[in-house]
PDB file of N, CA and C in Angstrom:
ATOM      1  N   MET A   1      -7.975 -40.107  -8.048  1.00  0.00           N
ATOM      2  CA  MET A   1      -9.120 -40.572  -8.819  1.00  0.00           C
ATOM      3  C   MET A   1     -10.010 -41.497  -7.986  1.00  0.00           C
ATOM      4  N   GLY A   2      -9.383 -42.442  -7.291  1.00  0.00           N
ATOM      5  CA  GLY A   2     -10.150 -43.369  -6.453  1.00  0.00           C
ATOM      6  C   GLY A   2     -10.823 -42.663  -5.293  1.00  0.00           C
ATOM      7  N   GLU A   3     -10.188 -41.631  -4.778  1.00  0.00           N
ATOM      8  CA  GLU A   3     -10.762 -40.891  -3.657  1.00  0.00           C
ATOM      9  C   GLU A   3     -12.015 -40.136  -4.093  1.00  0.00           C
ATOM     10  N   THR A   4     -12.007 -39.624  -5.321  1.00  0.00           N
ATOM     11  CA  THR A   4     -13.171 -38.914  -5.854  1.00  0.00           C
ATOM     12  C   THR A   4     -14.357 -39.856  -6.014  1.00  0.00           C
ATOM     13  N   LYS A   5     -14.087 -41.068  -6.498  1.00  0.00           N
ATOM     14  CA  LYS A   5     -15.163 -42.051  -6.658  1.00  0.00           C
ATOM     15  C   LYS A   5     -15.766 -42.410  -5.305  1.00  0.00           C
ATOM     16  N   MET A   6     -14.911 -42.553  -4.312  1.00  0.00           N
ATOM     17  CA  MET A   6     -15.378 -42.884  -2.972  1.00  0.00           C
ATOM     18  C   MET A   6     -16.256 -41.760  -2.422  1.00  0.00           C
ATOM     19  N   LEU A   7     -15.859 -40.520  -2.662  1.00  0.00           N
ATOM     20  CA  LEU A   7     -16.638 -39.382  -2.207  1.00  0.00           C
ATOM     21  C   LEU A   7     -18.017 -39.360  -2.877  1.00  0.00           C
ATOM     22  N   VAL A   8     -18.058 -39.655  -4.163  1.00  0.00           N
ATOM     23  CA  VAL A   8     -19.323 -39.690  -4.892  1.00  0.00           C
ATOM     24  C   VAL A   8     -20.229 -40.777  -4.311  1.00  0.00           C
ATOM     25  N   VAL A   9     -19.681 -41.942  -4.038  1.00  0.00           N
ATOM     26  CA  VAL A   9     -20.465 -43.040  -3.469  1.00  0.00           C
ATOM     27  C   VAL A   9     -21.013 -42.655  -2.102  1.00  0.00           C
ATOM     28  N   VAL A  10     -20.190 -42.056  -1.268  1.00  0.00           N
ATOM     29  CA  VAL A  10     -20.634 -41.642   0.066  1.00  0.00           C
ATOM     30  C   VAL A  10     -21.736 -40.589  -0.034  1.00  0.00           C
ATOM     31  N   LEU A  11     -21.558 -39.611  -0.921  1.00  0.00           N
ATOM     32  CA  LEU A  11     -22.584 -38.582  -1.096  1.00  0.00           C
ATOM     33  C   LEU A  11     -23.900 -39.179  -1.587  1.00  0.00           C
ATOM     34  N   LEU A  12     -23.842 -40.118  -2.510  1.00  0.00           N
ATOM     35  CA  LEU A  12     -25.064 -40.770  -2.995  1.00  0.00           C
ATOM     36  C   LEU A  12     -25.758 -41.547  -1.883  1.00  0.00           C
ATOM     37  N   LEU A  13     -24.970 -42.240  -1.068  1.00  0.00           N
ATOM     38  CA  LEU A  13     -25.561 -42.975   0.050  1.00  0.00           C
ATOM     39  C   LEU A  13     -26.225 -42.035   1.054  1.00  0.00           C
ATOM     40  N   VAL A  14     -25.599 -40.900   1.307  1.00  0.00           N
ATOM     41  CA  VAL A  14     -26.180 -39.914   2.222  1.00  0.00           C
ATOM     42  C   VAL A  14     -27.481 -39.369   1.647  1.00  0.00           C
ATOM     43  N   ILE A  15     -27.495 -39.063   0.353  1.00  0.00           N
ATOM     44  CA  ILE A  15     -28.704 -38.540  -0.290  1.00  0.00           C
ATOM     45  C   ILE A  15     -29.825 -39.575  -0.246  1.00  0.00           C
ATOM     46  N   ILE A  16     -29.489 -40.830  -0.523  1.00  0.00           N
ATOM     47  CA  ILE A  16     -30.500 -41.898  -0.476  1.00  0.00           C
ATOM     48  C   ILE A  16     -31.039 -42.057   0.938  1.00  0.00           C
ATOM     49  N   PHE A  17     -30.153 -42.059   1.923  1.00  0.00           N
ATOM     50  CA  PHE A  17     -30.580 -42.192   3.316  1.00  0.00           C
ATOM     51  C   PHE A  17     -31.493 -41.042   3.727  1.00  0.00           C
ATOM     52  N   LEU A  18     -31.136 -39.821   3.367  1.00  0.00           N
ATOM     53  CA  LEU A  18     -31.975 -38.667   3.706  1.00  0.00           C
ATOM     54  C   LEU A  18     -33.331 -38.752   3.012  1.00  0.00           C
ATOM     55  N   GLY A  19     -33.342 -39.232   1.782  1.00  0.00           N
ATOM     56  CA  GLY A  19     -34.603 -39.397   1.061  1.00  0.00           C
ATOM     57  C   GLY A  19     -35.509 -40.406   1.740  1.00  0.00           C
ATOM     58  N   ILE A  20     -34.935 -41.523   2.160  1.00  0.00           N
ATOM     59  CA  ILE A  20     -35.728 -42.539   2.862  1.00  0.00           C
ATOM     60  C   ILE A  20     -36.239 -41.996   4.192  1.00  0.00           C
ATOM     61  N   ALA A  21     -35.397 -41.281   4.925  1.00  0.00           N
ATOM     62  CA  ALA A  21     -35.807 -40.710   6.212  1.00  0.00           C
ATOM     63  C   ALA A  21     -36.940 -39.698   6.018  1.00  0.00           C
ATOM     64  N   ALA A  22     -36.838 -38.860   4.993  1.00  0.00           N
ATOM     65  CA  ALA A  22     -37.890 -37.872   4.722  1.00  0.00           C
ATOM     66  C   ALA A  22     -39.193 -38.572   4.344  1.00  0.00           C
ATOM     67  N   PHE A  23     -39.100 -39.627   3.550  1.00  0.00           N
ATOM     68  CA  PHE A  23     -40.295 -40.377   3.154  1.00  0.00           C
ATOM     69  C   PHE A  23     -40.961 -41.012   4.369  1.00  0.00           C
ATOM     70  N   LEU A  24     -40.167 -41.616   5.254  1.00  0.00           N
ATOM     71  CA  LEU A  24     -40.736 -42.225   6.456  1.00  0.00           C
ATOM     72  C   LEU A  24     -41.387 -41.179   7.358  1.00  0.00           C
ATOM     73  N   PHE A  25     -40.780 -40.024   7.476  1.00  0.00           N
ATOM     74  CA  PHE A  25     -41.357 -38.941   8.272  1.00  0.00           C
ATOM     75  C   PHE A  25     -42.703 -38.513   7.691  1.00  0.00           C
ATOM     76  N   TYR A  26     -42.755 -38.371   6.359  1.00  0.00           N
ATOM     77  CA  TYR A  26     -43.983 -37.986   5.668  1.00  0.00           C
ATOM     78  C   TYR A  26     -45.089 -39.028   5.884  1.00  0.00           C
ATOM     79  N   ILE A  27     -44.744 -40.289   5.753  1.00  0.00           N
ATOM     80  CA  ILE A  27     -45.727 -41.368   5.945  1.00  0.00           C
ATOM     81  C   ILE A  27     -46.217 -41.388   7.388  1.00  0.00           C
ATOM     82  N   GLU A  28     -45.326 -41.172   8.341  1.00  0.00           N
ATOM     83  CA  GLU A  28     -45.719 -41.157   9.750  1.00  0.00           C
ATOM     84  C   GLU A  28     -46.735 -40.051  10.028  1.00  0.00           C
ATOM     85  N   LYS A  29     -46.520 -38.863   9.467  1.00  0.00           N
ATOM     86  CA  LYS A  29     -47.456 -37.753   9.667  1.00  0.00           C
ATOM     87  C   LYS A  29     -48.826 -38.082   9.065  1.00  0.00           C
ATOM     88  N   ARG A  30     -48.829 -38.671   7.873  1.00  0.00           N
ATOM     89  CA  ARG A  30     -50.098 -39.047   7.239  1.00  0.00           C
ATOM     90  C   ARG A  30     -50.815 -40.114   8.054  1.00  0.00           C
ATOM     91  N   LEU A  31     -50.068 -41.064   8.600  1.00  0.00           N
ATOM     92  CA  LEU A  31     -50.659 -42.127   9.409  1.00  0.00           C
ATOM     93  C   LEU A  31     -51.262 -41.560  10.689  1.00  0.00           C
ATOM     94  N   GLN A  32     -50.572 -40.631  11.331  1.00  0.00           N
ATOM     95  CA  GLN A  32     -51.113 -40.009  12.538  1.00  0.00           C
ATOM     96  C   GLN A  32     -52.417 -39.285  12.242  1.00  0.00           C
ATOM     97  N   LYS A  33     -52.481 -38.571  11.120  1.00  0.00           N
ATOM     98  CA  LYS A  33     -53.698 -37.857  10.758  1.00  0.00           C
ATOM     99  C   LYS A  33     -54.835 -38.834  10.478  1.00  0.00           C
ATOM    100  N   ALA A  34     -54.530 -39.927   9.800  1.00  0.00           N
ATOM    101  CA  ALA A  34     -55.552 -40.930   9.510  1.00  0.00           C
ATOM    102  C   ALA A  34     -56.074 -41.556  10.801  1.00  0.00           C
ATOM    103  N   GLU A  35     -55.184 -41.835  11.742  1.00  0.00           N
ATOM    104  CA  GLU A  35     -55.597 -42.400  13.025  1.00  0.00           C
ATOM    105  C   GLU A  35     -56.494 -41.421  13.779  1.00  0.00           C
ATOM    106  N   GLN A  36     -56.160 -40.146  13.750  1.00  0.00           N
ATOM    107  CA  GLN A  36     -56.995 -39.143  14.415  1.00  0.00           C
ATOM    108  C   GLN A  36     -58.369 -39.057  13.757  1.00  0.00           C
ATOM    109  N   ASP A  37     -58.408 -39.120  12.430  1.00  0.00           N
ATOM    110  CA  ASP A  37     -59.682 -39.070  11.721  1.00  0.00           C
ATOM    111  C   ASP A  37     -60.550 -40.274  12.074  1.00  0.00           C
ATOM    112  N   ILE A  38     -59.949 -41.453  12.139  1.00  0.00           N
ATOM    113  CA  ILE A  38     -60.693 -42.661  12.491  1.00  0.00           C
ATOM    114  C   ILE A  38     -61.217 -42.549  13.920  1.00  0.00           C
ATOM    115  N   GLN A  39     -60.368 -42.091  14.827  1.00  0.00           N
ATOM    116  CA  GLN A  39     -60.794 -41.940  16.223  1.00  0.00           C
ATOM    117  C   GLN A  39     -61.941 -40.938  16.327  1.00  0.00           C
ATOM    118  N   SER A  40     -61.864 -39.862  15.577  1.00  0.00           N
ATOM    119  CA  SER A  40     -62.911 -38.855  15.590  1.00  0.00           C
ATOM    120  C   SER A  40     -64.230 -39.433  15.079  1.00  0.00           C
ATOM    121  N   MET A  41     -64.160 -40.214  14.010  1.00  0.00           N
ATOM    122  CA  MET A  41     -65.377 -40.835  13.466  1.00  0.00           C
ATOM    123  C   MET A  41     -65.971 -41.830  14.456  1.00  0.00           C
ATOM    124  N   GLN A  42     -65.110 -42.607  15.130  1.00  0.00           N
ATOM    125  CA  GLN A  42     -65.595 -43.572  16.109  1.00  0.00           C
ATOM    126  C   GLN A  42     -66.248 -42.864  17.287  1.00  0.00           C
ATOM    127  N   ASP A  43     -65.671 -41.764  17.741  1.00  0.00           N
ATOM    128  CA  ASP A  43     -66.260 -40.999  18.836  1.00  0.00           C
ATOM    129  C   ASP A  43     -67.630 -40.452  18.439  1.00  0.00           C
ATOM    130  N   THR A  44     -67.734 -39.967  17.212  1.00  0.00           N
ATOM    131  CA  THR A  44     -69.005 -39.435  16.721  1.00  0.00           C
ATOM    132  C   THR A  44     -70.054 -40.528  16.662  1.00  0.00           C
ATOM    133  N   GLU A  45     -69.673 -41.718  16.183  1.00  0.00           N
ATOM    134  CA  GLU A  45     -70.610 -42.834  16.107  1.00  0.00           C
ATOM    135  C   GLU A  45     -71.073 -43.250  17.495  1.00  0.00           C
ATOM    136  N   LYS A  46     -70.161 -43.267  18.466  1.00  0.00           N
ATOM    137  CA  LYS A  46     -70.525 -43.649  19.828  1.00  0.00           C
ATOM    138  C   LYS A  46     -71.513 -42.649  20.415  1.00  0.00           C
ATOM    139  N   LYS A  47     -71.304 -41.365  20.153  1.00  0.00           N
ATOM    140  CA  LYS A  47     -72.221 -40.342  20.655  1.00  0.00           C
ATOM    141  C   LYS A  47     -73.601 -40.515  20.038  1.00  0.00           C
ATOM    142  N   GLN A  48     -73.637 -40.807  18.741  1.00  0.00           N
ATOM    143  CA  GLN A  48     -74.919 -40.991  18.073  1.00  0.00           C
ATOM    144  C   GLN A  48     -75.631 -42.226  18.598  1.00  0.00           C
ATOM    145  N   GLU A  49     -74.893 -43.304  18.834  1.00  0.00           N
ATOM    146  CA  GLU A  49     -75.493 -44.526  19.369  1.00  0.00           C
ATOM    147  C   GLU A  49     -76.032 -44.297  20.776  1.00  0.00           C
ATOM    148  N   SER A  50     -75.302 -43.557  21.590  1.00  0.00           N
ATOM    149  CA  SER A  50     -75.746 -43.338  22.960  1.00  0.00           C
ATOM    150  C   SER A  50     -76.998 -42.459  22.991  1.00  0.00           C
ATOM    151  N   THR A  51     -77.126 -41.533  22.076  1.00  0.00           N
ATOM    152  CA  THR A  51     -78.335 -40.701  22.053  1.00  0.00           C
ATOM    153  C   THR A  51     -79.529 -41.534  21.584  1.00  0.00           C
ATOM    154  N   LYS A  52     -79.327 -42.470  20.684  1.00  0.00           N
ATOM    155  CA  LYS A  52     -80.421 -43.337  20.228  1.00  0.00           C
ATOM    156  C   LYS A  52     -80.867 -44.261  21.351  1.00  0.00           C
ATOM    157  N   VAL A  53     -79.925 -44.791  22.111  1.00  0.00           N
ATOM    158  CA  VAL A  53     -80.239 -45.706  23.206  1.00  0.00           C
ATOM    159  C   VAL A  53     -80.984 -44.959  24.310  1.00  0.00           C
ATOM    160  N   ASN A  54     -80.552 -43.757  24.605  1.00  0.00           N
ATOM    161  CA  ASN A  54     -81.166 -42.966  25.680  1.00  0.00           C
ATOM    162  C   ASN A  54     -82.432 -42.248  25.232  1.00  0.00           C
ATOM    163  N   GLY A  55     -82.681 -42.202  23.958  1.00  0.00           N
ATOM    164  CA  GLY A  55     -83.857 -41.513  23.454  1.00  0.00           C
ATOM    165  C   GLY A  55     -83.718 -40.014  23.473  1.00  0.00           C
ATOM    166  N   ASP A  56     -82.500 -39.533  23.470  1.00  0.00           N
ATOM    167  CA  ASP A  56     -82.245 -38.092  23.521  1.00  0.00           C
ATOM    168  C   ASP A  56     -81.942 -37.526  22.137  1.00  0.00           C
ATOM    169  N   GLU A  57     -82.629 -37.994  21.121  1.00  0.00           N
ATOM    170  CA  GLU A  57     -82.305 -37.520  19.774  1.00  0.00           C
ATOM    171  C   GLU A  57     -82.640 -36.053  19.640  1.00  0.00           C
ATOM    172  N   ALA A  58     -81.739 -35.344  18.994  1.00  0.00           N
ATOM    173  CA  ALA A  58     -81.916 -33.895  18.845  1.00  0.00           C
ATOM    174  C   ALA A  58     -82.595 -33.575  17.541  1.00  0.00           C
TER     175      ALA A  58
END
């Protein structure tokens, strides 16, 4: 009986750990995409500013 309870506790801990790991992986992917989007917007703004400074507006 005690061994069964221990097995249940271990399985629950494994499930919780896997859930946390999956959540962190998901958040990391979203953060990487957000960083890429911000970098892309900053690059676009720099290009627009440089064309205004140089007078090369299209």
